[in-house]
């Protein structure tokens, strides 16, 4: 029996809360959410502060079907 996946809204909420804690920001912009087989892939941007200068950073977070973070990748824009 295949396990039910969490909803798209729940996936977005999990990722936003994860990034708020990890990046110490309240502004997380999710631009893409896709489900591939047994994982969710969420992409977007969030601001960061590098030595007093604001920068934008893109992210890609992968969740399993239960909503646990499996990986997170970040890169400056």
C-alpha atoms as a PDB file:
ATOM      1  CA  UNK A   1       0.000   0.000   0.000  1.00  0.00           C
ATOM      2  CA  UNK A   2       1.440   3.366  -1.036  1.00  0.00           C
ATOM      3  CA  UNK A   3       1.833   5.918   1.726  1.00  0.00           C
ATOM      4  CA  UNK A   4      -0.092   9.183   1.341  1.00  0.00           C
ATOM      5  CA  UNK A   5       1.928  12.310   0.772  1.00  0.00           C
ATOM      6  CA  UNK A   6       1.450  15.560   2.638  1.00  0.00           C
ATOM      7  CA  UNK A   7      -0.319  18.442   0.874  1.00  0.00           C
ATOM      8  CA  UNK A   8       1.326  21.129  -1.215  1.00  0.00           C
ATOM      9  CA  UNK A   9       0.296  23.812   1.312  1.00  0.00           C
ATOM     10  CA  UNK A  10       1.832  21.817   4.172  1.00  0.00           C
ATOM     11  CA  UNK A  11       5.051  21.384   2.176  1.00  0.00           C
ATOM     12  CA  UNK A  12       5.320  25.146   1.659  1.00  0.00           C
ATOM     13  CA  UNK A  13       4.676  25.848   5.353  1.00  0.00           C
ATOM     14  CA  UNK A  14       7.341  23.326   6.460  1.00  0.00           C
ATOM     15  CA  UNK A  15       9.970  24.812   4.132  1.00  0.00           C
ATOM     16  CA  UNK A  16       9.197  28.424   5.086  1.00  0.00           C
ATOM     17  CA  UNK A  17       9.492  27.611   8.803  1.00  0.00           C
ATOM     18  CA  UNK A  18      12.706  25.616   8.202  1.00  0.00           C
ATOM     19  CA  UNK A  19      14.298  28.516   6.315  1.00  0.00           C
ATOM     20  CA  UNK A  20      13.150  31.156   8.807  1.00  0.00           C
ATOM     21  CA  UNK A  21      15.005  29.268  11.548  1.00  0.00           C
ATOM     22  CA  UNK A  22      18.052  28.359   9.479  1.00  0.00           C
ATOM     23  CA  UNK A  23      18.566  31.728   7.757  1.00  0.00           C
ATOM     24  CA  UNK A  24      17.231  34.001  10.527  1.00  0.00           C
ATOM     25  CA  UNK A  25      14.810  35.806   8.183  1.00  0.00           C
ATOM     26  CA  UNK A  26      11.083  36.405   7.986  1.00  0.00           C
ATOM     27  CA  UNK A  27      11.052  36.847   4.216  1.00  0.00           C
ATOM     28  CA  UNK A  28      11.037  33.588   2.288  1.00  0.00           C
ATOM     29  CA  UNK A  29       9.663  33.576  -1.257  1.00  0.00           C
ATOM     30  CA  UNK A  30       8.685  30.166  -2.611  1.00  0.00           C
ATOM     31  CA  UNK A  31       8.591  30.188  -6.405  1.00  0.00           C
ATOM     32  CA  UNK A  32       8.190  26.510  -7.299  1.00  0.00           C
ATOM     33  CA  UNK A  33       6.880  23.364  -5.638  1.00  0.00           C
ATOM     34  CA  UNK A  34       6.956  20.043  -7.460  1.00  0.00           C
ATOM     35  CA  UNK A  35       6.426  16.453  -6.459  1.00  0.00           C
ATOM     36  CA  UNK A  36       8.638  13.767  -7.996  1.00  0.00           C
ATOM     37  CA  UNK A  37       7.786  10.203  -6.986  1.00  0.00           C
ATOM     38  CA  UNK A  38       8.528  10.030  -3.247  1.00  0.00           C
ATOM     39  CA  UNK A  39       9.947  13.541  -2.739  1.00  0.00           C
ATOM     40  CA  UNK A  40       8.918  17.193  -2.867  1.00  0.00           C
ATOM     41  CA  UNK A  41      11.310  19.776  -4.374  1.00  0.00           C
ATOM     42  CA  UNK A  42      10.797  23.390  -3.314  1.00  0.00           C
ATOM     43  CA  UNK A  43      12.677  26.328  -4.864  1.00  0.00           C
ATOM     44  CA  UNK A  44      12.710  30.026  -4.135  1.00  0.00           C
ATOM     45  CA  UNK A  45      14.698  32.921  -2.690  1.00  0.00           C
ATOM     46  CA  UNK A  46      15.415  34.503   0.667  1.00  0.00           C
ATOM     47  CA  UNK A  47      17.470  37.537   1.721  1.00  0.00           C
ATOM     48  CA  UNK A  48      20.738  37.172   3.605  1.00  0.00           C
ATOM     49  CA  UNK A  49      23.141  39.637   5.193  1.00  0.00           C
ATOM     50  CA  UNK A  50      26.782  39.310   4.188  1.00  0.00           C
ATOM     51  CA  UNK A  51      28.980  41.581   6.290  1.00  0.00           C
ATOM     52  CA  UNK A  52      26.317  44.287   6.438  1.00  0.00           C
ATOM     53  CA  UNK A  53      25.296  44.058   2.775  1.00  0.00           C
ATOM     54  CA  UNK A  54      21.936  42.580   1.713  1.00  0.00           C
ATOM     55  CA  UNK A  55      22.045  39.788  -0.873  1.00  0.00           C
ATOM     56  CA  UNK A  56      19.491  37.434  -2.345  1.00  0.00           C
ATOM     57  CA  UNK A  57      20.071  33.719  -2.034  1.00  0.00           C
ATOM     58  CA  UNK A  58      18.255  31.034  -3.964  1.00  0.00           C
ATOM     59  CA  UNK A  59      17.386  27.752  -2.304  1.00  0.00           C
ATOM     60  CA  UNK A  60      16.298  24.249  -3.182  1.00  0.00           C
ATOM     61  CA  UNK A  61      14.911  22.135  -0.363  1.00  0.00           C
ATOM     62  CA  UNK A  62      13.974  18.469  -0.753  1.00  0.00           C
ATOM     63  CA  UNK A  63      11.370  16.882   1.544  1.00  0.00           C
ATOM     64  CA  UNK A  64      10.287  13.265   1.795  1.00  0.00           C
ATOM     65  CA  UNK A  65       6.600  12.350   1.542  1.00  0.00           C
ATOM     66  CA  UNK A  66       6.218  12.721   5.315  1.00  0.00           C
ATOM     67  CA  UNK A  67       7.552  16.293   5.288  1.00  0.00           C
ATOM     68  CA  UNK A  68      11.048  15.686   6.646  1.00  0.00           C
ATOM     69  CA  UNK A  69      13.864  17.775   5.167  1.00  0.00           C
ATOM     70  CA  UNK A  70      16.229  15.501   3.240  1.00  0.00           C
ATOM     71  CA  UNK A  71      18.539  18.154   1.781  1.00  0.00           C
ATOM     72  CA  UNK A  72      18.900  21.899   1.326  1.00  0.00           C
ATOM     73  CA  UNK A  73      21.098  23.702  -1.205  1.00  0.00           C
ATOM     74  CA  UNK A  74      21.795  27.434  -1.311  1.00  0.00           C
ATOM     75  CA  UNK A  75      23.510  29.726  -3.814  1.00  0.00           C
ATOM     76  CA  UNK A  76      23.933  33.502  -4.119  1.00  0.00           C
ATOM     77  CA  UNK A  77      22.070  35.174  -6.948  1.00  0.00           C
END
